[in-house]
Amino acid sequence: MGLPQSIRNAAEPWTAKEVSKLKELAADNLPPSVISMRLGRPEAAILSKALQAGIRLMPLNRPPYGA
């Protein structure tokens, strides 16, 4: 049995491709929980990397997907 989808890359260093994908998903107004599943990293890692890379994530209290 493998790792849950949301943490399969938890211990791996971030690649430039993943950071680019994080920017793309954030620009699509996806919530951190969805980005977490798509990138296979814990939500805390998504929040941390976004802050470190200057990527704005949508406010947690707003509806996702531009609704």
N, C-alpha and C. Protein backbone atom coordinates (compact mmCIF):
# COMPACT_ATOMS: atom_id res chain seq x y z
N MET A 1 0.84 -1.19 0.00
CA MET A 1 0.00 0.00 0.00
C MET A 1 0.88 1.25 0.00
N GLY A 2 0.65 2.17 -0.92
CA GLY A 2 1.46 3.37 -1.04
C GLY A 2 1.00 4.47 -0.10
N LEU A 3 1.70 5.57 -0.17
CA LEU A 3 1.35 6.74 0.64
C LEU A 3 0.06 7.36 0.13
N PRO A 4 -0.69 8.02 1.02
CA PRO A 4 -1.87 8.75 0.54
C PRO A 4 -1.45 9.75 -0.53
N GLN A 5 -2.31 9.98 -1.48
CA GLN A 5 -2.03 10.86 -2.61
C GLN A 5 -1.53 12.23 -2.16
N SER A 6 -2.08 12.74 -1.03
CA SER A 6 -1.78 14.11 -0.63
C SER A 6 -0.39 14.27 -0.02
N ILE A 7 0.32 13.18 0.27
CA ILE A 7 1.65 13.34 0.87
C ILE A 7 2.73 12.53 0.17
N ARG A 8 2.45 12.07 -1.03
CA ARG A 8 3.42 11.19 -1.70
C ARG A 8 4.77 11.85 -1.94
N ASN A 9 4.81 13.18 -2.05
CA ASN A 9 6.06 13.90 -2.29
C ASN A 9 6.51 14.70 -1.07
N ALA A 10 5.96 14.41 0.10
CA ALA A 10 6.18 15.24 1.28
C ALA A 10 7.66 15.43 1.62
N ALA A 11 8.46 14.39 1.50
CA ALA A 11 9.86 14.48 1.91
C ALA A 11 10.80 14.89 0.78
N GLU A 12 10.26 15.05 -0.41
CA GLU A 12 11.09 15.39 -1.57
C GLU A 12 11.29 16.89 -1.68
N PRO A 13 12.47 17.32 -2.15
CA PRO A 13 12.66 18.76 -2.40
C PRO A 13 11.75 19.23 -3.53
N TRP A 14 11.37 20.49 -3.48
CA TRP A 14 10.53 21.06 -4.52
C TRP A 14 11.33 21.21 -5.82
N THR A 15 10.73 20.89 -6.94
CA THR A 15 11.36 21.11 -8.24
C THR A 15 10.82 22.41 -8.82
N ALA A 16 11.55 22.96 -9.79
CA ALA A 16 11.10 24.17 -10.47
C ALA A 16 9.75 23.92 -11.15
N LYS A 17 9.56 22.72 -11.67
CA LYS A 17 8.30 22.37 -12.33
C LYS A 17 7.14 22.39 -11.33
N GLU A 18 7.37 21.90 -10.12
CA GLU A 18 6.33 21.91 -9.10
C GLU A 18 5.98 23.33 -8.65
N VAL A 19 7.00 24.17 -8.50
CA VAL A 19 6.76 25.56 -8.12
C VAL A 19 5.96 26.26 -9.21
N SER A 20 6.29 25.98 -10.45
CA SER A 20 5.56 26.54 -11.58
C SER A 20 4.10 26.08 -11.56
N LYS A 21 3.89 24.80 -11.27
CA LYS A 21 2.54 24.25 -11.20
C LYS A 21 1.78 24.87 -10.03
N LEU A 22 2.46 25.09 -8.90
CA LEU A 22 1.85 25.75 -7.75
C LEU A 22 1.37 27.14 -8.15
N LYS A 23 2.20 27.89 -8.87
CA LYS A 23 1.81 29.23 -9.34
C LYS A 23 0.58 29.15 -10.23
N GLU A 24 0.60 28.18 -11.13
CA GLU A 24 -0.50 28.01 -12.09
C GLU A 24 -1.81 27.68 -11.35
N LEU A 25 -1.74 26.75 -10.41
CA LEU A 25 -2.95 26.34 -9.67
C LEU A 25 -3.45 27.48 -8.79
N ALA A 26 -2.54 28.24 -8.19
CA ALA A 26 -2.93 29.39 -7.38
C ALA A 26 -3.62 30.44 -8.24
N ALA A 27 -3.10 30.65 -9.45
CA ALA A 27 -3.69 31.62 -10.38
C ALA A 27 -5.09 31.19 -10.81
N ASP A 28 -5.34 29.87 -10.78
CA ASP A 28 -6.67 29.35 -11.11
C ASP A 28 -7.63 29.45 -9.92
N ASN A 29 -7.16 30.06 -8.83
CA ASN A 29 -7.98 30.31 -7.64
C ASN A 29 -8.39 29.02 -6.93
N LEU A 30 -7.54 27.99 -7.03
CA LEU A 30 -7.83 26.75 -6.33
C LEU A 30 -7.44 26.87 -4.87
N PRO A 31 -8.23 26.25 -3.97
CA PRO A 31 -7.87 26.30 -2.55
C PRO A 31 -6.63 25.46 -2.26
N PRO A 32 -5.91 25.79 -1.21
CA PRO A 32 -4.70 25.04 -0.86
C PRO A 32 -4.93 23.53 -0.71
N SER A 33 -6.11 23.14 -0.23
CA SER A 33 -6.38 21.70 -0.06
C SER A 33 -6.40 20.97 -1.40
N VAL A 34 -6.93 21.61 -2.43
CA VAL A 34 -6.97 21.01 -3.77
C VAL A 34 -5.57 21.00 -4.37
N ILE A 35 -4.84 22.09 -4.21
CA ILE A 35 -3.46 22.16 -4.70
C ILE A 35 -2.63 21.07 -4.04
N SER A 36 -2.86 20.87 -2.75
CA SER A 36 -2.16 19.84 -1.99
C SER A 36 -2.34 18.46 -2.63
N MET A 37 -3.58 18.14 -2.97
CA MET A 37 -3.85 16.83 -3.60
C MET A 37 -3.22 16.73 -4.98
N ARG A 38 -3.29 17.80 -5.74
CA ARG A 38 -2.75 17.77 -7.11
C ARG A 38 -1.23 17.62 -7.13
N LEU A 39 -0.55 18.25 -6.16
CA LEU A 39 0.91 18.19 -6.13
C LEU A 39 1.44 17.06 -5.25
N GLY A 40 0.55 16.42 -4.51
CA GLY A 40 0.98 15.31 -3.66
C GLY A 40 1.82 15.75 -2.49
N ARG A 41 1.47 16.90 -1.92
CA ARG A 41 2.20 17.43 -0.77
C ARG A 41 1.20 17.84 0.30
N PRO A 42 1.63 17.81 1.56
CA PRO A 42 0.71 18.25 2.64
C PRO A 42 0.31 19.71 2.44
N GLU A 43 -0.88 20.04 2.91
CA GLU A 43 -1.37 21.41 2.75
C GLU A 43 -0.43 22.42 3.41
N ALA A 44 0.15 22.04 4.56
CA ALA A 44 1.08 22.94 5.24
C ALA A 44 2.29 23.24 4.35
N ALA A 45 2.74 22.26 3.57
CA ALA A 45 3.87 22.47 2.67
C ALA A 45 3.49 23.42 1.53
N ILE A 46 2.25 23.33 1.07
CA ILE A 46 1.76 24.22 0.01
C ILE A 46 1.76 25.66 0.53
N LEU A 47 1.21 25.84 1.74
CA LEU A 47 1.15 27.18 2.33
C LEU A 47 2.54 27.76 2.55
N SER A 48 3.43 26.92 3.06
CA SER A 48 4.79 27.36 3.33
C SER A 48 5.54 27.75 2.06
N LYS A 49 5.45 26.90 1.04
CA LYS A 49 6.16 27.17 -0.22
C LYS A 49 5.58 28.40 -0.91
N ALA A 50 4.27 28.55 -0.86
CA ALA A 50 3.65 29.71 -1.49
C ALA A 50 4.15 31.00 -0.82
N LEU A 51 4.22 30.99 0.50
CA LEU A 51 4.72 32.15 1.23
C LEU A 51 6.18 32.43 0.86
N GLN A 52 6.98 31.37 0.84
CA GLN A 52 8.42 31.49 0.53
C GLN A 52 8.64 32.01 -0.89
N ALA A 53 7.81 31.56 -1.83
CA ALA A 53 7.99 31.92 -3.24
C ALA A 53 7.20 33.18 -3.63
N GLY A 54 6.49 33.77 -2.67
CA GLY A 54 5.72 34.97 -2.97
C GLY A 54 4.49 34.70 -3.82
N ILE A 55 3.93 33.52 -3.69
CA ILE A 55 2.74 33.15 -4.46
C ILE A 55 1.52 33.41 -3.58
N ARG A 56 0.59 34.19 -4.09
CA ARG A 56 -0.63 34.48 -3.34
C ARG A 56 -1.63 33.37 -3.54
N LEU A 57 -2.07 32.80 -2.44
CA LEU A 57 -3.15 31.82 -2.49
C LEU A 57 -4.45 32.54 -2.18
N MET A 58 -5.54 32.00 -2.70
CA MET A 58 -6.82 32.63 -2.45
C MET A 58 -7.13 32.65 -0.95
N PRO A 59 -7.83 33.64 -0.47
CA PRO A 59 -8.21 33.64 0.94
C PRO A 59 -9.00 32.37 1.27
N LEU A 60 -8.72 31.78 2.41
CA LEU A 60 -9.35 30.51 2.78
C LEU A 60 -10.85 30.64 2.98
N ASN A 61 -11.35 31.84 3.21
CA ASN A 61 -12.79 32.01 3.48
C ASN A 61 -13.59 32.39 2.23
N ARG A 62 -12.96 32.36 1.07
CA ARG A 62 -13.67 32.68 -0.18
C ARG A 62 -13.98 31.42 -0.95
N PRO A 63 -15.07 31.43 -1.70
CA PRO A 63 -15.41 30.23 -2.48
C PRO A 63 -14.37 30.00 -3.58
N PRO A 64 -14.05 28.75 -3.86
CA PRO A 64 -13.05 28.44 -4.89
C PRO A 64 -13.61 28.55 -6.30
N TYR A 65 -12.73 28.40 -7.27
CA TYR A 65 -13.07 28.30 -8.70
C TYR A 65 -13.75 29.54 -9.23
N GLY A 66 -13.44 30.71 -8.67
CA GLY A 66 -13.99 31.95 -9.19
C GLY A 66 -15.48 32.11 -8.97
N ALA A 67 -16.07 31.32 -8.07
CA ALA A 67 -17.52 31.37 -7.82
C ALA A 67 -17.92 32.64 -7.10
